[in-house]
Amino acid sequence: CPSSSGKPNHADILLVNLQYVSEVEIINDHTETPPPLASLNVSKLANKARTEKEEKMSQAYAISAGVSLEGQQLFQTIHKT
């Protein structure tokens, strides 16, 4: 779909879980080829995934180290700031 933000180089992608679909009705049939998808910066995605994993591991360590609930909440609050 065209971007809801109005940016010309962006598009909205809608995902549908087909397990919940019982009927499909074609409203408009488009025969033109859609524009190619934008290239992905794989190294940036890998860095983000690694950073997220490290953050989750540090949170899991705080829980497994016997830290109280109040201590965990304090850690998360400080981490967010």
PDB file of N, CA and C in Angstrom:
ATOM      1  N   CYS A   1       0.850  -1.173   0.000  1.00  0.00           N
ATOM      2  CA  CYS A   1       0.000   0.000   0.000  1.00  0.00           C
ATOM      3  C   CYS A   1       0.893   1.232   0.000  1.00  0.00           C
ATOM      4  N   PRO A   2       0.407   2.322  -0.567  1.00  0.00           N
ATOM      5  CA  PRO A   2       1.167   3.572  -0.450  1.00  0.00           C
ATOM      6  C   PRO A   2       1.358   3.927   1.020  1.00  0.00           C
ATOM      7  N   SER A   3       2.420   4.636   1.292  1.00  0.00           N
ATOM      8  CA  SER A   3       2.761   4.974   2.668  1.00  0.00           C
ATOM      9  C   SER A   3       1.693   5.850   3.304  1.00  0.00           C
ATOM     10  N   SER A   4       1.317   5.510   4.538  1.00  0.00           N
ATOM     11  CA  SER A   4       0.349   6.330   5.259  1.00  0.00           C
ATOM     12  C   SER A   4       0.977   7.643   5.728  1.00  0.00           C
ATOM     13  N   SER A   5       2.320   7.696   5.731  1.00  0.00           N
ATOM     14  CA  SER A   5       3.005   8.929   6.121  1.00  0.00           C
ATOM     15  C   SER A   5       3.105   9.897   4.948  1.00  0.00           C
ATOM     16  N   GLY A   6       2.808   9.422   3.736  1.00  0.00           N
ATOM     17  CA  GLY A   6       2.866  10.274   2.555  1.00  0.00           C
ATOM     18  C   GLY A   6       4.232  10.354   1.920  1.00  0.00           C
ATOM     19  N   LYS A   7       5.220   9.660   2.461  1.00  0.00           N
ATOM     20  CA  LYS A   7       6.564   9.697   1.886  1.00  0.00           C
ATOM     21  C   LYS A   7       6.575   8.877   0.597  1.00  0.00           C
ATOM     22  N   PRO A   8       7.097   9.436  -0.489  1.00  0.00           N
ATOM     23  CA  PRO A   8       7.013   8.743  -1.777  1.00  0.00           C
ATOM     24  C   PRO A   8       7.857   7.470  -1.879  1.00  0.00           C
ATOM     25  N   ASN A   9       8.950   7.379  -1.140  1.00  0.00           N
ATOM     26  CA  ASN A   9       9.831   6.207  -1.230  1.00  0.00           C
ATOM     27  C   ASN A   9       9.500   5.134  -0.206  1.00  0.00           C
ATOM     28  N   HIS A  10       8.385   5.288   0.519  1.00  0.00           N
ATOM     29  CA  HIS A  10       7.995   4.324   1.537  1.00  0.00           C
ATOM     30  C   HIS A  10       6.665   3.674   1.169  1.00  0.00           C
ATOM     31  N   ALA A  11       6.420   2.523   1.753  1.00  0.00           N
ATOM     32  CA  ALA A  11       5.163   1.824   1.539  1.00  0.00           C
ATOM     33  C   ALA A  11       4.759   1.142   2.834  1.00  0.00           C
ATOM     34  N   ASP A  12       3.474   0.958   3.019  1.00  0.00           N
ATOM     35  CA  ASP A  12       2.960   0.204   4.156  1.00  0.00           C
ATOM     36  C   ASP A  12       2.791  -1.244   3.720  1.00  0.00           C
ATOM     37  N   ILE A  13       3.244  -2.162   4.544  1.00  0.00           N
ATOM     38  CA  ILE A  13       3.104  -3.585   4.253  1.00  0.00           C
ATOM     39  C   ILE A  13       2.169  -4.170   5.290  1.00  0.00           C
ATOM     40  N   LEU A  14       1.137  -4.830   4.833  1.00  0.00           N
ATOM     41  CA  LEU A  14       0.147  -5.419   5.722  1.00  0.00           C
ATOM     42  C   LEU A  14       0.328  -6.931   5.740  1.00  0.00           C
ATOM     43  N   LEU A  15       0.403  -7.513   6.927  1.00  0.00           N
ATOM     44  CA  LEU A  15       0.532  -8.952   7.083  1.00  0.00           C
ATOM     45  C   LEU A  15      -0.772  -9.492   7.650  1.00  0.00           C
ATOM     46  N   VAL A  16      -1.231 -10.602   7.100  1.00  0.00           N
ATOM     47  CA  VAL A  16      -2.487 -11.198   7.538  1.00  0.00           C
ATOM     48  C   VAL A  16      -2.222 -12.640   7.928  1.00  0.00           C
ATOM     49  N   ASN A  17      -2.669 -13.032   9.112  1.00  0.00           N
ATOM     50  CA  ASN A  17      -2.557 -14.418   9.555  1.00  0.00           C
ATOM     51  C   ASN A  17      -3.675 -15.203   8.871  1.00  0.00           C
ATOM     52  N   LEU A  18      -3.306 -16.051   7.920  1.00  0.00           N
ATOM     53  CA  LEU A  18      -4.300 -16.765   7.120  1.00  0.00           C
ATOM     54  C   LEU A  18      -5.055 -17.829   7.906  1.00  0.00           C
ATOM     55  N   GLN A  19      -4.627 -18.134   9.113  1.00  0.00           N
ATOM     56  CA  GLN A  19      -5.373 -19.088   9.928  1.00  0.00           C
ATOM     57  C   GLN A  19      -6.730 -18.530  10.321  1.00  0.00           C
ATOM     58  N   TYR A  20      -6.852 -17.216  10.349  1.00  0.00           N
ATOM     59  CA  TYR A  20      -8.101 -16.583  10.754  1.00  0.00           C
ATOM     60  C   TYR A  20      -8.953 -16.130   9.570  1.00  0.00           C
ATOM     61  N   VAL A  21      -8.503 -16.420   8.355  1.00  0.00           N
ATOM     62  CA  VAL A  21      -9.245 -16.018   7.156  1.00  0.00           C
ATOM     63  C   VAL A  21     -10.150 -17.160   6.726  1.00  0.00           C
ATOM     64  N   SER A  22     -11.418 -16.852   6.560  1.00  0.00           N
ATOM     65  CA  SER A  22     -12.355 -17.890   6.110  1.00  0.00           C
ATOM     66  C   SER A  22     -12.827 -17.649   4.687  1.00  0.00           C
ATOM     67  N   GLU A  23     -12.705 -16.414   4.191  1.00  0.00           N
ATOM     68  CA  GLU A  23     -13.170 -16.092   2.842  1.00  0.00           C
ATOM     69  C   GLU A  23     -12.341 -14.930   2.289  1.00  0.00           C
ATOM     70  N   VAL A  24     -12.047 -14.988   0.991  1.00  0.00           N
ATOM     71  CA  VAL A  24     -11.299 -13.924   0.334  1.00  0.00           C
ATOM     72  C   VAL A  24     -12.126 -13.416  -0.837  1.00  0.00           C
ATOM     73  N   GLU A  25     -12.253 -12.100  -0.914  1.00  0.00           N
ATOM     74  CA  GLU A  25     -12.979 -11.473  -2.017  1.00  0.00           C
ATOM     75  C   GLU A  25     -12.059 -10.450  -2.667  1.00  0.00           C
ATOM     76  N   ILE A  26     -11.837 -10.589  -3.970  1.00  0.00           N
ATOM     77  CA  ILE A  26     -10.974  -9.668  -4.697  1.00  0.00           C
ATOM     78  C   ILE A  26     -11.797  -8.439  -5.060  1.00  0.00           C
ATOM     79  N   ILE A  27     -11.357  -7.280  -4.578  1.00  0.00           N
ATOM     80  CA  ILE A  27     -12.065  -6.032  -4.851  1.00  0.00           C
ATOM     81  C   ILE A  27     -11.482  -5.362  -6.091  1.00  0.00           C
ATOM     82  N   ASN A  28     -10.177  -5.200  -6.130  1.00  0.00           N
ATOM     83  CA  ASN A  28      -9.480  -4.623  -7.289  1.00  0.00           C
ATOM     84  C   ASN A  28      -8.359  -5.567  -7.670  1.00  0.00           C
ATOM     85  N   ASP A  29      -8.297  -5.942  -8.927  1.00  0.00           N
ATOM     86  CA  ASP A  29      -7.238  -6.827  -9.412  1.00  0.00           C
ATOM     87  C   ASP A  29      -6.221  -5.987 -10.164  1.00  0.00           C
ATOM     88  N   HIS A  30      -4.997  -5.908  -9.614  1.00  0.00           N
ATOM     89  CA  HIS A  30      -3.940  -5.115 -10.238  1.00  0.00           C
ATOM     90  C   HIS A  30      -3.022  -6.037 -11.019  1.00  0.00           C
ATOM     91  N   THR A  31      -2.729  -5.657 -12.243  1.00  0.00           N
ATOM     92  CA  THR A  31      -1.865  -6.485 -13.086  1.00  0.00           C
ATOM     93  C   THR A  31      -0.461  -5.904 -13.216  1.00  0.00           C
ATOM     94  N   GLU A  32      -0.263  -4.623 -12.836  1.00  0.00           N
ATOM     95  CA  GLU A  32       1.066  -4.035 -12.966  1.00  0.00           C
ATOM     96  C   GLU A  32       1.998  -4.592 -11.894  1.00  0.00           C
ATOM     97  N   THR A  33       3.262  -4.606 -12.218  1.00  0.00           N
ATOM     98  CA  THR A  33       4.279  -5.112 -11.297  1.00  0.00           C
ATOM     99  C   THR A  33       4.546  -4.067 -10.219  1.00  0.00           C
ATOM    100  N   PRO A  34       4.548  -4.480  -8.953  1.00  0.00           N
ATOM    101  CA  PRO A  34       4.831  -3.511  -7.888  1.00  0.00           C
ATOM    102  C   PRO A  34       6.282  -3.053  -7.955  1.00  0.00           C
ATOM    103  N   PRO A  35       6.594  -1.891  -7.392  1.00  0.00           N
ATOM    104  CA  PRO A  35       7.980  -1.421  -7.390  1.00  0.00           C
ATOM    105  C   PRO A  35       8.852  -2.344  -6.539  1.00  0.00           C
ATOM    106  N   PRO A  36      10.147  -2.414  -6.850  1.00  0.00           N
ATOM    107  CA  PRO A  36      11.022  -3.290  -6.069  1.00  0.00           C
ATOM    108  C   PRO A  36      11.113  -2.805  -4.618  1.00  0.00           C
ATOM    109  N   LEU A  37      11.315  -3.756  -3.720  1.00  0.00           N
ATOM    110  CA  LEU A  37      11.466  -3.429  -2.302  1.00  0.00           C
ATOM    111  C   LEU A  37      12.803  -2.742  -2.067  1.00  0.00           C
ATOM    112  N   ALA A  38      12.836  -1.888  -1.086  1.00  0.00           N
ATOM    113  CA  ALA A  38      14.071  -1.192  -0.744  1.00  0.00           C
ATOM    114  C   ALA A  38      15.093  -2.188  -0.198  1.00  0.00           C
ATOM    115  N   SER A  39      16.355  -1.911  -0.444  1.00  0.00           N
ATOM    116  CA  SER A  39      17.398  -2.797   0.062  1.00  0.00           C
ATOM    117  C   SER A  39      17.527  -2.614   1.574  1.00  0.00           C
ATOM    118  N   LEU A  40      17.928  -3.676   2.235  1.00  0.00           N
ATOM    119  CA  LEU A  40      18.080  -3.653   3.691  1.00  0.00           C
ATOM    120  C   LEU A  40      19.549  -3.507   4.053  1.00  0.00           C
ATOM    121  N   ASN A  41      19.812  -2.756   5.086  1.00  0.00           N
ATOM    122  CA  ASN A  41      21.154  -2.622   5.619  1.00  0.00           C
ATOM    123  C   ASN A  41      21.343  -3.762   6.628  1.00  0.00           C
ATOM    124  N   VAL A  42      21.881  -4.876   6.151  1.00  0.00           N
ATOM    125  CA  VAL A  42      21.985  -6.090   6.951  1.00  0.00           C
ATOM    126  C   VAL A  42      22.896  -5.886   8.155  1.00  0.00           C
ATOM    127  N   SER A  43      23.979  -5.159   7.990  1.00  0.00           N
ATOM    128  CA  SER A  43      24.896  -4.955   9.121  1.00  0.00           C
ATOM    129  C   SER A  43      24.225  -4.125  10.215  1.00  0.00           C
ATOM    130  N   LYS A  44      23.428  -3.128   9.842  1.00  0.00           N
ATOM    131  CA  LYS A  44      22.713  -2.327  10.837  1.00  0.00           C
ATOM    132  C   LYS A  44      21.689  -3.183  11.580  1.00  0.00           C
ATOM    133  N   LEU A  45      20.992  -4.061  10.841  1.00  0.00           N
ATOM    134  CA  LEU A  45      20.026  -4.958  11.475  1.00  0.00           C
ATOM    135  C   LEU A  45      20.720  -5.938  12.416  1.00  0.00           C
ATOM    136  N   ALA A  46      21.872  -6.450  12.013  1.00  0.00           N
ATOM    137  CA  ALA A  46      22.614  -7.383  12.859  1.00  0.00           C
ATOM    138  C   ALA A  46      23.094  -6.697  14.132  1.00  0.00           C
ATOM    139  N   ASN A  47      23.559  -5.457  14.009  1.00  0.00           N
ATOM    140  CA  ASN A  47      23.997  -4.708  15.189  1.00  0.00           C
ATOM    141  C   ASN A  47      22.833  -4.464  16.141  1.00  0.00           C
ATOM    142  N   LYS A  48      21.686  -4.122  15.592  1.00  0.00           N
ATOM    143  CA  LYS A  48      20.515  -3.883  16.432  1.00  0.00           C
ATOM    144  C   LYS A  48      20.091  -5.173  17.138  1.00  0.00           C
ATOM    145  N   ALA A  49      20.113  -6.291  16.422  1.00  0.00           N
ATOM    146  CA  ALA A  49      19.746  -7.573  17.024  1.00  0.00           C
ATOM    147  C   ALA A  49      20.712  -7.941  18.144  1.00  0.00           C
ATOM    148  N   ARG A  50      22.010  -7.705  17.930  1.00  0.00           N
ATOM    149  CA  ARG A  50      23.010  -8.017  18.942  1.00  0.00           C
ATOM    150  C   ARG A  50      22.811  -7.143  20.183  1.00  0.00           C
ATOM    151  N   THR A  51      22.540  -5.858  19.979  1.00  0.00           N
ATOM    152  CA  THR A  51      22.307  -4.939  21.095  1.00  0.00           C
ATOM    153  C   THR A  51      21.077  -5.350  21.890  1.00  0.00           C
ATOM    154  N   GLU A  52      20.005  -5.682  21.185  1.00  0.00           N
ATOM    155  CA  GLU A  52      18.778  -6.112  21.866  1.00  0.00           C
ATOM    156  C   GLU A  52      19.013  -7.386  22.672  1.00  0.00           C
ATOM    157  N   LYS A  53      19.788  -8.310  22.087  1.00  0.00           N
ATOM    158  CA  LYS A  53      20.076  -9.573  22.781  1.00  0.00           C
ATOM    159  C   LYS A  53      20.876  -9.303  24.050  1.00  0.00           C
ATOM    160  N   GLU A  54      21.865  -8.414  23.958  1.00  0.00           N
ATOM    161  CA  GLU A  54      22.672  -8.083  25.133  1.00  0.00           C
ATOM    162  C   GLU A  54      21.820  -7.456  26.231  1.00  0.00           C
ATOM    163  N   GLU A  55      20.882  -6.575  25.845  1.00  0.00           N
ATOM    164  CA  GLU A  55      20.006  -5.955  26.834  1.00  0.00           C
ATOM    165  C   GLU A  55      19.115  -6.991  27.508  1.00  0.00           C
ATOM    166  N   LYS A  56      18.572  -7.895  26.738  1.00  0.00           N
ATOM    167  CA  LYS A  56      17.704  -8.932  27.308  1.00  0.00           C
ATOM    168  C   LYS A  56      18.503  -9.863  28.215  1.00  0.00           C
ATOM    169  N   MET A  57      19.732 -10.162  27.835  1.00  0.00           N
ATOM    170  CA  MET A  57      20.567 -11.019  28.670  1.00  0.00           C
ATOM    171  C   MET A  57      20.886 -10.340  29.999  1.00  0.00           C
ATOM    172  N   SER A  58      21.129  -9.024  29.978  1.00  0.00           N
ATOM    173  CA  SER A  58      21.420  -8.327  31.234  1.00  0.00           C
ATOM    174  C   SER A  58      20.184  -8.291  32.126  1.00  0.00           C
ATOM    175  N   GLN A  59      19.006  -8.156  31.527  1.00  0.00           N
ATOM    176  CA  GLN A  59      17.764  -8.199  32.307  1.00  0.00           C
ATOM    177  C   GLN A  59      17.553  -9.594  32.899  1.00  0.00           C
ATOM    178  N   ALA A  60      17.820 -10.624  32.109  1.00  0.00           N
ATOM    179  CA  ALA A  60      17.668 -11.995  32.589  1.00  0.00           C
ATOM    180  C   ALA A  60      18.670 -12.283  33.700  1.00  0.00           C
ATOM    181  N   TYR A  61      19.877 -11.731  33.590  1.00  0.00           N
ATOM    182  CA  TYR A  61      20.882 -11.922  34.628  1.00  0.00           C
ATOM    183  C   TYR A  61      20.421 -11.304  35.940  1.00  0.00           C
ATOM    184  N   ALA A  62      19.795 -10.131  35.863  1.00  0.00           N
ATOM    185  CA  ALA A  62      19.318  -9.466  37.075  1.00  0.00           C
ATOM    186  C   ALA A  62      18.263 -10.318  37.769  1.00  0.00           C
ATOM    187  N   ILE A  63      17.419 -10.961  36.992  1.00  0.00           N
ATOM    188  CA  ILE A  63      16.378 -11.814  37.572  1.00  0.00           C
ATOM    189  C   ILE A  63      16.997 -13.067  38.184  1.00  0.00           C
ATOM    190  N   SER A  64      17.927 -13.690  37.457  1.00  0.00           N
ATOM    191  CA  SER A  64      18.516 -14.945  37.933  1.00  0.00           C
ATOM    192  C   SER A  64      19.483 -14.723  39.095  1.00  0.00           C
ATOM    193  N   ALA A  65      19.926 -13.507  39.303  1.00  0.00           N
ATOM    194  CA  ALA A  65      20.882 -13.237  40.374  1.00  0.00           C
ATOM    195  C   ALA A  65      20.191 -13.045  41.718  1.00  0.00           C
ATOM    196  N   GLY A  66      18.879 -13.257  41.776  1.00  0.00           N
ATOM    197  CA  GLY A  66      18.165 -13.135  43.029  1.00  0.00           C
ATOM    198  C   GLY A  66      17.867 -11.704  43.429  1.00  0.00           C
ATOM    199  N   VAL A  67      17.796 -10.821  42.442  1.00  0.00           N
ATOM    200  CA  VAL A  67      17.508  -9.422  42.723  1.00  0.00           C
ATOM    201  C   VAL A  67      16.012  -9.274  43.014  1.00  0.00           C
ATOM    202  N   SER A  68      15.682  -8.433  43.992  1.00  0.00           N
ATOM    203  CA  SER A  68      14.274  -8.238  44.359  1.00  0.00           C
ATOM    204  C   SER A  68      13.516  -7.561  43.216  1.00  0.00           C
ATOM    205  N   LEU A  69      12.197  -7.647  43.268  1.00  0.00           N
ATOM    206  CA  LEU A  69      11.356  -7.031  42.254  1.00  0.00           C
ATOM    207  C   LEU A  69      11.595  -5.524  42.208  1.00  0.00           C
ATOM    208  N   GLU A  70      11.747  -4.911  43.371  1.00  0.00           N
ATOM    209  CA  GLU A  70      12.012  -3.474  43.431  1.00  0.00           C
ATOM    210  C   GLU A  70      13.347  -3.141  42.760  1.00  0.00           C
ATOM    211  N   GLY A  71      14.341  -3.962  42.980  1.00  0.00           N
ATOM    212  CA  GLY A  71      15.649  -3.768  42.349  1.00  0.00           C
ATOM    213  C   GLY A  71      15.573  -3.916  40.839  1.00  0.00           C
ATOM    214  N   GLN A  72      14.799  -4.894  40.370  1.00  0.00           N
ATOM    215  CA  GLN A  72      14.635  -5.091  38.933  1.00  0.00           C
ATOM    216  C   GLN A  72      13.948  -3.884  38.300  1.00  0.00           C
ATOM    217  N   GLN A  73      12.905  -3.366  38.959  1.00  0.00           N
ATOM    218  CA  GLN A  73      12.192  -2.207  38.437  1.00  0.00           C
ATOM    219  C   GLN A  73      13.096  -0.981  38.412  1.00  0.00           C
ATOM    220  N   LEU A  74      13.924  -0.816  39.442  1.00  0.00           N
ATOM    221  CA  LEU A  74      14.861   0.280  39.489  1.00  0.00           C
ATOM    222  C   LEU A  74      15.870   0.167  38.349  1.00  0.00           C
ATOM    223  N   PHE A  75      16.398  -1.023  38.124  1.00  0.00           N
ATOM    224  CA  PHE A  75      17.334  -1.268  37.035  1.00  0.00           C
ATOM    225  C   PHE A  75      16.699  -0.900  35.695  1.00  0.00           C
ATOM    226  N   GLN A  76      15.458  -1.324  35.457  1.00  0.00           N
ATOM    227  CA  GLN A  76      14.791  -1.034  34.191  1.00  0.00           C
ATOM    228  C   GLN A  76      14.527   0.455  34.040  1.00  0.00           C
ATOM    229  N   THR A  77      14.163   1.127  35.117  1.00  0.00           N
ATOM    230  CA  THR A  77      13.932   2.573  35.055  1.00  0.00           C
ATOM    231  C   THR A  77      15.204   3.325  34.717  1.00  0.00           C
ATOM    232  N   ILE A  78      16.287   2.966  35.359  1.00  0.00           N
ATOM    233  CA  ILE A  78      17.583   3.610  35.087  1.00  0.00           C
ATOM    234  C   ILE A  78      18.008   3.304  33.654  1.00  0.00           C
ATOM    235  N   HIS A  79      17.801   2.086  33.218  1.00  0.00           N
ATOM    236  CA  HIS A  79      18.195   1.683  31.871  1.00  0.00           C
ATOM    237  C   HIS A  79      17.434   2.480  30.816  1.00  0.00           C
ATOM    238  N   LYS A  80      16.155   2.772  31.060  1.00  0.00           N
ATOM    239  CA  LYS A  80      15.343   3.523  30.104  1.00  0.00           C
ATOM    240  C   LYS A  80      15.784   4.972  29.995  1.00  0.00           C
ATOM    241  N   THR A  81      16.340   5.514  31.105  1.00  0.00           N
ATOM    242  CA  THR A  81      16.764   6.908  31.077  1.00  0.00           C
ATOM    243  C   THR A  81      18.163   7.011  30.512  1.00  0.00           C
TER     244      THR A  81
END
